[in-house]
Amino acid sequence: MEIELLGISPVLPSQDIDRDVEWYEKNVGFQLIHKDKMYAVLRRETFSIHLQWHADTEDDPLLGGSVIRIFVQHIEPIFQEFVNRRTIKPSKLRLNTDWGTNEFGFYDLNNNAIFIVESL
């Protein structure tokens, strides 16, 4: 039997769970599933993003700079949605990249890079 991969649930560092949940709801269209003062789970269709609070100290580094790539079919409608939300500017769509994708990306409030990607 072959393994069927169903999705990915990245856990991204956060300095402010309440602030970041609000940002993901407003700017990315995710819905809150669970939240406490240290952890949150958000979902949009079959995708989940988990946020975990970090103090950004030597003992508990924030480690920002995480990257996720969310693969989609038909990138144009979701691109237009993010333009309408003012999450990105219309100039951010990169078509027919050298590595065989159409894609756009943005940063959340903790400097995590989020790319929406359509394979060609």
N, C-alpha and C. Protein backbone atom coordinates (compact mmCIF):
# COMPACT_ATOMS: atom_id res chain seq x y z
N MET A 1 0.84 -1.18 0.00
CA MET A 1 0.00 0.00 0.00
C MET A 1 0.89 1.24 0.00
N GLU A 2 0.59 2.20 -0.87
CA GLU A 2 1.35 3.44 -0.94
C GLU A 2 0.88 4.41 0.12
N ILE A 3 1.79 5.24 0.58
CA ILE A 3 1.45 6.30 1.53
C ILE A 3 0.82 7.45 0.77
N GLU A 4 -0.29 7.98 1.29
CA GLU A 4 -0.94 9.14 0.68
C GLU A 4 -0.75 10.33 1.61
N LEU A 5 -0.05 11.34 1.16
CA LEU A 5 0.16 12.53 1.97
C LEU A 5 -1.07 13.42 1.87
N LEU A 6 -1.59 13.85 3.02
CA LEU A 6 -2.84 14.60 3.05
C LEU A 6 -2.68 16.09 3.31
N GLY A 7 -1.57 16.51 3.86
CA GLY A 7 -1.40 17.93 4.12
C GLY A 7 -0.23 18.18 5.05
N ILE A 8 -0.12 19.39 5.49
CA ILE A 8 0.96 19.79 6.38
C ILE A 8 0.40 20.77 7.41
N SER A 9 0.86 20.66 8.63
CA SER A 9 0.45 21.57 9.69
C SER A 9 1.69 22.20 10.32
N PRO A 10 2.20 23.25 9.73
CA PRO A 10 3.38 23.88 10.31
C PRO A 10 3.06 24.54 11.64
N VAL A 11 4.03 24.54 12.53
CA VAL A 11 3.92 25.25 13.80
C VAL A 11 4.86 26.44 13.72
N LEU A 12 4.29 27.63 13.71
CA LEU A 12 5.06 28.85 13.53
C LEU A 12 5.21 29.58 14.87
N PRO A 13 6.37 30.17 15.11
CA PRO A 13 6.57 30.91 16.35
C PRO A 13 5.75 32.20 16.37
N SER A 14 5.32 32.59 17.56
CA SER A 14 4.52 33.81 17.73
C SER A 14 4.97 34.54 18.98
N GLN A 15 5.00 35.86 18.91
CA GLN A 15 5.27 36.68 20.09
C GLN A 15 3.98 37.14 20.73
N ASP A 16 2.85 37.02 20.03
CA ASP A 16 1.57 37.50 20.56
C ASP A 16 0.45 36.69 19.89
N ILE A 17 -0.03 35.67 20.59
CA ILE A 17 -1.03 34.75 20.02
C ILE A 17 -2.29 35.50 19.59
N ASP A 18 -2.85 36.35 20.46
CA ASP A 18 -4.09 37.06 20.11
C ASP A 18 -3.91 37.91 18.86
N ARG A 19 -2.82 38.66 18.81
CA ARG A 19 -2.55 39.53 17.66
C ARG A 19 -2.43 38.70 16.38
N ASP A 20 -1.69 37.58 16.47
CA ASP A 20 -1.42 36.79 15.28
C ASP A 20 -2.65 36.03 14.79
N VAL A 21 -3.49 35.56 15.71
CA VAL A 21 -4.75 34.92 15.31
C VAL A 21 -5.60 35.92 14.54
N GLU A 22 -5.72 37.13 15.06
CA GLU A 22 -6.50 38.16 14.37
C GLU A 22 -5.94 38.44 12.98
N TRP A 23 -4.61 38.50 12.86
CA TRP A 23 -3.98 38.78 11.57
C TRP A 23 -4.27 37.66 10.56
N TYR A 24 -4.14 36.40 10.98
CA TYR A 24 -4.39 35.28 10.08
C TYR A 24 -5.86 35.21 9.67
N GLU A 25 -6.76 35.56 10.55
CA GLU A 25 -8.18 35.59 10.19
C GLU A 25 -8.46 36.69 9.17
N LYS A 26 -7.98 37.89 9.43
CA LYS A 26 -8.26 39.04 8.57
C LYS A 26 -7.52 38.98 7.24
N ASN A 27 -6.25 38.65 7.28
CA ASN A 27 -5.41 38.78 6.08
C ASN A 27 -5.22 37.51 5.27
N VAL A 28 -5.49 36.36 5.87
CA VAL A 28 -5.23 35.11 5.17
C VAL A 28 -6.48 34.24 5.07
N GLY A 29 -7.55 34.60 5.77
CA GLY A 29 -8.81 33.88 5.65
C GLY A 29 -8.90 32.60 6.45
N PHE A 30 -8.02 32.41 7.44
CA PHE A 30 -8.10 31.23 8.30
C PHE A 30 -9.12 31.45 9.40
N GLN A 31 -9.67 30.36 9.92
CA GLN A 31 -10.63 30.42 11.02
C GLN A 31 -10.02 29.77 12.26
N LEU A 32 -10.28 30.37 13.41
CA LEU A 32 -9.75 29.87 14.66
C LEU A 32 -10.46 28.57 15.06
N ILE A 33 -9.68 27.54 15.40
CA ILE A 33 -10.20 26.26 15.86
C ILE A 33 -9.98 26.12 17.37
N HIS A 34 -8.82 26.53 17.84
CA HIS A 34 -8.47 26.44 19.27
C HIS A 34 -7.47 27.53 19.60
N LYS A 35 -7.60 28.09 20.82
CA LYS A 35 -6.63 29.09 21.25
C LYS A 35 -6.56 29.10 22.76
N ASP A 36 -5.32 29.15 23.27
CA ASP A 36 -5.09 29.49 24.67
C ASP A 36 -3.95 30.50 24.67
N LYS A 37 -3.41 30.84 25.83
CA LYS A 37 -2.41 31.92 25.85
C LYS A 37 -1.07 31.51 25.23
N MET A 38 -0.86 30.21 25.02
CA MET A 38 0.43 29.74 24.51
C MET A 38 0.36 29.10 23.11
N TYR A 39 -0.85 28.79 22.62
CA TYR A 39 -0.95 27.99 21.40
C TYR A 39 -2.28 28.27 20.71
N ALA A 40 -2.25 28.25 19.38
CA ALA A 40 -3.49 28.41 18.61
C ALA A 40 -3.44 27.51 17.39
N VAL A 41 -4.62 27.07 16.96
CA VAL A 41 -4.76 26.28 15.74
C VAL A 41 -5.78 27.00 14.86
N LEU A 42 -5.38 27.24 13.62
CA LEU A 42 -6.26 27.88 12.65
C LEU A 42 -6.41 26.98 11.44
N ARG A 43 -7.54 27.06 10.77
CA ARG A 43 -7.78 26.20 9.62
C ARG A 43 -8.45 26.99 8.50
N ARG A 44 -8.08 26.60 7.29
CA ARG A 44 -8.76 27.07 6.08
C ARG A 44 -8.85 25.88 5.15
N GLU A 45 -10.08 25.45 4.89
CA GLU A 45 -10.35 24.25 4.10
C GLU A 45 -9.57 23.08 4.68
N THR A 46 -8.63 22.48 3.95
CA THR A 46 -7.91 21.32 4.46
C THR A 46 -6.56 21.67 5.06
N PHE A 47 -6.25 22.97 5.18
CA PHE A 47 -4.95 23.40 5.70
C PHE A 47 -5.07 23.91 7.12
N SER A 48 -4.08 23.59 7.94
CA SER A 48 -4.01 24.10 9.30
C SER A 48 -2.67 24.79 9.52
N ILE A 49 -2.71 25.84 10.32
CA ILE A 49 -1.51 26.51 10.79
C ILE A 49 -1.60 26.55 12.30
N HIS A 50 -0.52 26.16 12.97
CA HIS A 50 -0.45 26.21 14.42
C HIS A 50 0.50 27.33 14.80
N LEU A 51 0.14 28.10 15.82
CA LEU A 51 0.99 29.16 16.33
C LEU A 51 1.38 28.82 17.76
N GLN A 52 2.67 28.94 18.08
CA GLN A 52 3.14 28.64 19.43
C GLN A 52 3.92 29.84 19.96
N TRP A 53 3.55 30.29 21.16
CA TRP A 53 4.20 31.45 21.75
C TRP A 53 5.62 31.12 22.18
N HIS A 54 6.51 32.07 21.93
CA HIS A 54 7.90 31.99 22.38
C HIS A 54 8.29 33.34 22.96
N ALA A 55 9.11 33.31 24.00
CA ALA A 55 9.50 34.52 24.71
C ALA A 55 10.56 35.33 23.98
N ASP A 56 11.19 34.75 22.98
CA ASP A 56 12.29 35.38 22.26
C ASP A 56 13.44 35.73 23.20
N THR A 57 13.77 34.77 24.04
CA THR A 57 14.92 34.89 24.93
C THR A 57 15.93 33.81 24.54
N GLU A 58 17.09 33.83 25.17
CA GLU A 58 18.10 32.83 24.88
C GLU A 58 17.60 31.42 25.20
N ASP A 59 16.82 31.29 26.28
CA ASP A 59 16.28 29.99 26.67
C ASP A 59 15.06 29.56 25.85
N ASP A 60 14.37 30.53 25.25
CA ASP A 60 13.14 30.24 24.49
C ASP A 60 13.12 31.13 23.25
N PRO A 61 14.01 30.84 22.29
CA PRO A 61 14.12 31.74 21.13
C PRO A 61 12.89 31.70 20.24
N LEU A 62 12.58 32.83 19.67
CA LEU A 62 11.47 32.93 18.72
C LEU A 62 11.84 32.27 17.41
N LEU A 63 13.05 32.39 16.99
CA LEU A 63 13.59 31.75 15.79
C LEU A 63 12.95 32.20 14.49
N GLY A 64 12.16 33.23 14.42
CA GLY A 64 11.50 33.70 13.21
C GLY A 64 12.14 33.24 11.91
N GLY A 65 11.59 33.59 10.83
CA GLY A 65 12.15 33.23 9.55
C GLY A 65 11.73 31.87 9.03
N SER A 66 10.74 31.24 9.66
CA SER A 66 10.21 29.98 9.12
C SER A 66 9.59 30.25 7.75
N VAL A 67 9.53 29.20 6.93
CA VAL A 67 8.95 29.32 5.60
C VAL A 67 7.99 28.17 5.38
N ILE A 68 6.81 28.48 4.83
CA ILE A 68 5.90 27.42 4.39
C ILE A 68 5.50 27.71 2.95
N ARG A 69 5.24 26.64 2.23
CA ARG A 69 4.77 26.73 0.86
C ARG A 69 3.46 25.95 0.78
N ILE A 70 2.40 26.64 0.42
CA ILE A 70 1.08 26.03 0.30
C ILE A 70 0.80 25.85 -1.18
N PHE A 71 0.63 24.59 -1.60
CA PHE A 71 0.42 24.29 -3.02
C PHE A 71 -1.07 24.27 -3.34
N VAL A 72 -1.42 24.92 -4.45
CA VAL A 72 -2.82 25.04 -4.87
C VAL A 72 -2.92 24.76 -6.37
N GLN A 73 -4.14 24.53 -6.80
CA GLN A 73 -4.45 24.54 -8.23
C GLN A 73 -5.18 25.84 -8.50
N HIS A 74 -5.00 26.41 -9.68
CA HIS A 74 -5.70 27.64 -10.07
C HIS A 74 -5.36 28.78 -9.10
N ILE A 75 -4.18 29.32 -9.22
CA ILE A 75 -3.68 30.33 -8.30
C ILE A 75 -4.38 31.68 -8.43
N GLU A 76 -4.90 31.99 -9.61
CA GLU A 76 -5.47 33.33 -9.85
C GLU A 76 -6.56 33.73 -8.84
N PRO A 77 -7.56 32.87 -8.55
CA PRO A 77 -8.60 33.31 -7.59
C PRO A 77 -8.06 33.60 -6.19
N ILE A 78 -7.15 32.78 -5.69
CA ILE A 78 -6.62 33.04 -4.35
C ILE A 78 -5.69 34.24 -4.37
N PHE A 79 -4.97 34.43 -5.47
CA PHE A 79 -4.14 35.64 -5.60
C PHE A 79 -5.01 36.88 -5.52
N GLN A 80 -6.12 36.89 -6.26
CA GLN A 80 -7.01 38.06 -6.25
C GLN A 80 -7.60 38.28 -4.86
N GLU A 81 -7.91 37.19 -4.15
CA GLU A 81 -8.42 37.32 -2.78
C GLU A 81 -7.42 38.06 -1.89
N PHE A 82 -6.14 37.68 -1.97
CA PHE A 82 -5.12 38.30 -1.12
C PHE A 82 -4.86 39.75 -1.54
N VAL A 83 -4.99 40.06 -2.82
CA VAL A 83 -4.91 41.45 -3.27
C VAL A 83 -6.07 42.24 -2.67
N ASN A 84 -7.27 41.68 -2.74
CA ASN A 84 -8.45 42.35 -2.19
C ASN A 84 -8.35 42.55 -0.68
N ARG A 85 -7.73 41.62 0.02
CA ARG A 85 -7.53 41.73 1.47
C ARG A 85 -6.41 42.74 1.81
N ARG A 86 -5.67 43.17 0.78
CA ARG A 86 -4.52 44.05 0.92
C ARG A 86 -3.37 43.38 1.68
N THR A 87 -3.34 42.05 1.61
CA THR A 87 -2.24 41.29 2.18
C THR A 87 -1.01 41.42 1.28
N ILE A 88 -1.24 41.50 -0.03
CA ILE A 88 -0.16 41.64 -1.01
C ILE A 88 -0.55 42.68 -2.04
N LYS A 89 0.45 43.12 -2.79
CA LYS A 89 0.22 44.07 -3.88
C LYS A 89 0.06 43.29 -5.19
N PRO A 90 -0.69 43.84 -6.15
CA PRO A 90 -0.90 43.14 -7.42
C PRO A 90 0.38 42.77 -8.15
N SER A 91 1.46 43.43 -7.89
CA SER A 91 2.73 43.15 -8.58
C SER A 91 3.45 41.92 -8.04
N LYS A 92 2.94 41.27 -7.01
CA LYS A 92 3.65 40.18 -6.34
C LYS A 92 3.52 38.81 -7.02
N LEU A 93 2.61 38.65 -7.97
CA LEU A 93 2.44 37.35 -8.62
C LEU A 93 3.59 37.11 -9.58
N ARG A 94 4.29 35.99 -9.39
CA ARG A 94 5.40 35.60 -10.27
C ARG A 94 4.91 34.43 -11.12
N LEU A 95 4.82 34.65 -12.40
CA LEU A 95 4.32 33.63 -13.32
C LEU A 95 5.48 32.91 -14.01
N ASN A 96 5.31 31.60 -14.22
CA ASN A 96 6.25 30.80 -14.98
C ASN A 96 7.69 30.98 -14.50
N THR A 97 7.92 30.69 -13.22
CA THR A 97 9.26 30.82 -12.66
C THR A 97 10.20 29.80 -13.30
N ASP A 98 11.48 30.03 -13.13
CA ASP A 98 12.49 29.11 -13.67
C ASP A 98 12.37 27.71 -13.05
N TRP A 99 11.76 27.60 -11.87
CA TRP A 99 11.61 26.30 -11.20
C TRP A 99 10.22 25.71 -11.41
N GLY A 100 9.47 26.24 -12.38
CA GLY A 100 8.23 25.61 -12.82
C GLY A 100 6.99 25.89 -11.99
N THR A 101 6.85 27.13 -11.51
CA THR A 101 5.67 27.48 -10.72
C THR A 101 5.13 28.84 -11.10
N ASN A 102 3.89 29.07 -10.70
CA ASN A 102 3.33 30.40 -10.54
C ASN A 102 3.22 30.57 -9.02
N GLU A 103 3.59 31.73 -8.47
CA GLU A 103 3.57 31.86 -7.01
C GLU A 103 3.58 33.31 -6.56
N PHE A 104 3.18 33.50 -5.31
CA PHE A 104 3.32 34.78 -4.63
C PHE A 104 3.57 34.49 -3.16
N GLY A 105 4.12 35.47 -2.49
CA GLY A 105 4.44 35.26 -1.09
C GLY A 105 4.30 36.53 -0.28
N PHE A 106 4.27 36.36 1.03
CA PHE A 106 4.17 37.47 1.97
C PHE A 106 4.72 37.02 3.31
N TYR A 107 4.89 37.98 4.22
CA TYR A 107 5.37 37.70 5.57
C TYR A 107 4.26 37.96 6.58
N ASP A 108 4.21 37.12 7.62
CA ASP A 108 3.29 37.41 8.72
C ASP A 108 3.98 38.35 9.70
N LEU A 109 3.36 38.60 10.84
CA LEU A 109 3.88 39.59 11.78
C LEU A 109 5.12 39.12 12.53
N ASN A 110 5.48 37.84 12.41
CA ASN A 110 6.68 37.31 13.05
C ASN A 110 7.78 37.02 12.05
N ASN A 111 7.66 37.57 10.85
CA ASN A 111 8.64 37.42 9.78
C ASN A 111 8.72 35.99 9.24
N ASN A 112 7.63 35.24 9.34
CA ASN A 112 7.54 33.93 8.70
C ASN A 112 7.09 34.16 7.26
N ALA A 113 7.77 33.53 6.32
CA ALA A 113 7.44 33.67 4.90
C ALA A 113 6.40 32.63 4.52
N ILE A 114 5.35 33.07 3.84
CA ILE A 114 4.27 32.19 3.40
C ILE A 114 4.15 32.34 1.88
N PHE A 115 4.34 31.23 1.17
CA PHE A 115 4.23 31.25 -0.28
C PHE A 115 3.03 30.41 -0.71
N ILE A 116 2.25 30.93 -1.63
CA ILE A 116 1.17 30.21 -2.28
C ILE A 116 1.70 29.84 -3.66
N VAL A 117 1.67 28.54 -3.99
CA VAL A 117 2.38 28.03 -5.16
C VAL A 117 1.48 27.16 -6.02
N GLU A 118 1.54 27.35 -7.32
CA GLU A 118 0.89 26.48 -8.29
C GLU A 118 1.97 25.85 -9.16
N SER A 119 2.06 24.54 -9.15
CA SER A 119 3.02 23.85 -10.01
C SER A 119 2.54 23.88 -11.44
N LEU A 120 3.46 24.11 -12.37
CA LEU A 120 3.10 24.14 -13.79
C LEU A 120 3.24 22.76 -14.42
